[in-house]
Protein backbone atom coordinates (compact mmCIF):
# COMPACT_ATOMS: atom_id res chain seq x y z
CA MET A 1 -4.47 -88.06 75.42
CA ARG A 2 -7.82 -87.26 77.20
CA TRP A 3 -6.23 -86.82 80.44
CA LEU A 4 -3.58 -84.68 79.18
CA PHE A 5 -6.63 -82.29 77.62
CA VAL A 6 -8.28 -82.47 81.04
CA PHE A 7 -4.94 -81.54 83.00
CA LEU A 8 -4.01 -78.66 80.25
CA LEU A 9 -7.59 -77.20 79.98
CA PRO A 10 -7.43 -75.55 83.96
CA CYS A 11 -3.79 -74.59 83.23
CA LEU A 12 -4.67 -72.51 80.11
CA ILE A 13 -7.81 -70.76 81.74
CA PHE A 14 -6.44 -69.98 85.11
CA THR A 15 -2.82 -69.22 84.49
CA PRO A 16 -3.46 -65.86 83.07
CA LEU A 17 -5.76 -64.86 85.85
CA SER A 18 -2.95 -65.39 88.16
CA ALA A 19 -1.06 -62.87 86.32
CA GLN A 20 0.43 -60.04 87.93
CA PRO A 21 0.86 -56.56 85.96
CA GLN A 22 4.65 -56.25 85.95
CA ASN A 23 4.94 -52.17 85.58
CA LEU A 24 3.50 -51.55 89.03
CA PRO A 25 5.92 -50.60 91.85
CA GLN A 26 6.02 -53.40 94.38
CA ASN A 27 5.13 -51.29 97.30
CA LEU A 28 1.50 -50.58 95.97
CA PRO A 29 -1.07 -52.57 97.56
CA GLN A 30 -3.16 -54.90 95.68
CA ASN A 31 -6.79 -53.19 96.22
CA LEU A 32 -5.97 -49.81 95.64
CA PRO A 33 -9.06 -47.41 96.82
CA GLN A 34 -11.07 -46.01 94.05
CA ASN A 35 -11.04 -42.25 93.47
CA LEU A 36 -14.62 -41.95 93.73
CA PRO A 37 -15.86 -43.50 97.14
CA GLN A 38 -19.56 -44.64 96.94
CA ASN A 39 -20.48 -44.04 100.64
CA LEU A 40 -19.91 -40.23 101.19
CA LEU A 41 -21.34 -37.58 104.03
CA ALA A 42 -22.56 -34.30 103.47
CA LEU A 43 -20.37 -31.74 105.39
CA THR A 44 -20.86 -27.96 105.88
CA ILE A 45 -18.46 -25.28 107.12
CA GLU A 46 -20.24 -22.52 108.62
CA SER A 47 -19.21 -19.21 110.45
CA ALA A 48 -19.67 -18.85 114.13
CA THR A 49 -22.87 -17.01 113.41
CA LYS A 50 -24.07 -20.22 111.26
CA GLN A 51 -23.18 -18.46 107.80
CA LYS A 52 -22.64 -21.28 105.41
CA ILE A 53 -19.09 -20.97 104.01
CA ALA A 54 -18.60 -24.34 101.98
CA ASP A 55 -19.96 -27.78 101.46
CA PHE A 56 -18.08 -30.79 100.81
CA LYS A 57 -19.26 -34.57 100.33
CA VAL A 58 -16.57 -36.59 102.65
CA GLU A 59 -15.43 -40.00 103.12
CA LEU A 60 -15.27 -41.13 106.67
CA ALA A 61 -11.92 -42.44 108.11
CA ASP A 62 -13.47 -43.98 111.57
CA THR A 63 -11.54 -47.24 111.43
CA PRO A 64 -7.78 -48.02 112.06
CA GLU A 65 -7.40 -49.34 108.65
CA LYS A 66 -9.11 -46.53 106.80
CA MET A 67 -7.26 -44.02 109.13
CA SER A 68 -3.92 -45.63 107.97
CA ARG A 69 -4.62 -45.62 104.33
CA GLY A 70 -6.24 -42.12 104.34
CA LEU A 71 -5.93 -40.62 100.65
CA MET A 72 -2.95 -42.48 99.81
CA TYR A 73 -2.23 -43.64 96.16
CA ARG A 74 -5.34 -41.52 94.95
CA THR A 75 -4.26 -39.36 91.93
CA THR A 76 -7.55 -37.00 92.02
CA LEU A 77 -9.71 -35.64 94.42
CA PRO A 78 -12.59 -33.79 93.39
CA MET A 79 -12.94 -29.97 94.44
CA ASP A 80 -16.03 -30.58 96.34
CA GLN A 81 -14.88 -33.94 98.42
CA GLY A 82 -12.67 -34.62 101.02
CA MET A 83 -12.10 -37.30 103.95
CA LEU A 84 -12.97 -36.87 107.70
CA PHE A 85 -10.62 -38.65 109.77
CA VAL A 86 -12.44 -39.37 113.59
CA MET A 87 -9.81 -39.20 116.10
CA ALA A 88 -11.66 -41.09 118.99
CA PRO A 89 -10.54 -40.26 121.79
CA PRO A 90 -9.37 -36.71 120.71
CA ARG A 91 -5.61 -36.19 120.50
CA ILE A 92 -3.00 -34.41 119.06
CA ALA A 93 -3.25 -35.61 115.51
CA THR A 94 -0.13 -36.47 113.53
CA PHE A 95 -0.09 -36.89 109.50
CA TRP A 96 2.17 -37.45 106.65
CA MET A 97 2.12 -37.12 102.91
CA HIS A 98 3.57 -40.70 102.30
CA ASN A 99 2.46 -42.22 99.30
CA THR A 100 -0.11 -39.14 98.82
CA PHE A 101 0.05 -37.84 95.47
CA VAL A 102 -2.90 -35.19 96.07
CA PRO A 103 -1.70 -31.89 97.86
CA LEU A 104 -3.85 -31.13 100.52
CA ASP A 105 -5.38 -28.82 103.31
CA MET A 106 -5.42 -30.52 106.51
CA ILE A 107 -8.19 -28.82 108.79
CA PHE A 108 -8.02 -29.67 112.56
CA ILE A 109 -11.18 -29.63 114.42
CA ARG A 110 -12.20 -29.72 118.15
CA LEU A 111 -14.61 -31.93 119.66
CA ASN A 112 -16.97 -29.33 119.37
CA GLY A 113 -16.81 -29.11 115.52
CA GLU A 114 -14.55 -25.95 115.83
CA ILE A 115 -11.81 -25.30 113.30
CA GLU A 116 -8.44 -25.55 115.39
CA SER A 117 -6.11 -24.70 112.86
CA ILE A 118 -5.29 -25.34 109.12
CA VAL A 119 -1.88 -26.36 107.37
CA THR A 120 -1.51 -26.65 103.76
CA ARG A 121 0.55 -29.50 102.27
CA GLU A 122 2.09 -29.32 98.59
CA ASP A 123 4.89 -31.57 99.36
CA THR A 124 3.30 -34.77 98.15
CA LEU A 125 5.02 -37.98 99.28
CA SER A 126 6.82 -36.30 102.07
CA GLN A 127 7.75 -38.20 105.14
CA GLU A 128 7.51 -35.01 107.20
CA ARG A 129 5.00 -35.08 109.79
CA THR A 130 2.28 -32.20 110.38
CA ARG A 131 0.81 -32.06 114.02
CA SER A 132 -2.12 -30.34 115.51
CA GLN A 133 -1.40 -27.73 117.96
CA LYS A 134 -3.66 -28.91 120.24
CA PRO A 135 -5.76 -32.16 120.95
CA VAL A 136 -8.43 -32.69 118.31
CA ALA A 137 -11.40 -34.95 117.42
CA TYR A 138 -11.48 -34.51 113.88
CA VAL A 139 -9.33 -33.89 110.93
CA LEU A 140 -10.71 -32.73 107.46
CA GLU A 141 -8.38 -33.25 104.35
CA ILE A 142 -9.35 -31.40 101.51
CA ASN A 143 -7.37 -30.20 98.06
CA ALA A 144 -4.52 -27.86 98.83
CA GLY A 145 -5.51 -24.03 98.79
CA GLN A 146 -9.12 -24.88 99.01
CA SER A 147 -9.13 -23.37 102.60
CA ALA A 148 -8.04 -20.15 101.67
CA ALA A 149 -9.73 -19.82 98.35
CA LEU A 150 -12.97 -20.59 100.01
CA GLY A 151 -12.24 -18.27 103.26
CA ILE A 152 -12.23 -21.29 105.54
CA LYS A 153 -10.35 -20.26 108.61
CA PRO A 154 -10.01 -21.36 112.64
CA GLY A 155 -13.08 -20.52 114.62
CA HIS A 156 -15.52 -21.67 111.98
CA PHE A 157 -17.54 -24.69 112.60
CA ILE A 158 -18.06 -28.01 110.82
CA ARG A 159 -21.50 -29.70 110.69
CA LEU A 160 -22.16 -33.37 109.30
CA GLN A 161 -25.43 -33.56 107.90
CA SER A 162 -26.14 -37.33 108.78
CA GLY A 163 -26.12 -36.04 112.45
CA ARG A 164 -22.86 -38.11 113.39
CA GLY A 165 -20.13 -36.29 115.03
CA ALA A 166 -18.56 -33.07 114.44
CA GLY A 167 -20.59 -30.83 116.48
CA GLY A 168 -23.70 -32.50 115.77
CA GLY A 169 -25.92 -32.44 112.71
CA SER A 170 -29.31 -31.85 111.41
C-alpha cells in the first residue's frame, strides 16, 4: 500500500501543473510577451531645427526573434510607448499586421534618424504588407493616429537618449 502512495503522490502533484488551458487558440505561442516591457529606451522626435515634437519609451527589436514577433498578440500599447525595429543593414522594410491586435502607425526612418515616411494601419490582423518607399535603418511602431495627432511627419528626426543608433543620442 505504501508503494501505491509513493507512486500516486507525484501524479497528483504534477498532473495539474501540466494541464493546458483549453480555451486558447492553438496558434498562440506559449510565452506571450507582456504588455508592459521592462527594458525601455527613451526616444525623442524632433523637428529639423531640433524642436522637441514628442517623447516615447520604446522597446528595441534588434534580433531576428524580436523583429519577427514585434507587437504581435499584444492587446494594448500605452500611448507613450512603442517598438523600434533596427534594420541592419538598411533595406526596404516590409511589415504586416498578422496577429497584431493594436492599430499602428509605422514610421520609416533613414540611417541618419530622419523620418522617411509614415503609414497608418488600422486593419489589425491583416496579411496585407506595408513597405517603406526607400531603404530604411529603423521602423518605429506607435499607436495609430498618434503621428497625425502629435504633428510627426517626414523630415523630422528621432533621437535615442541611450546613445544607440537612430542618428546618435545624448
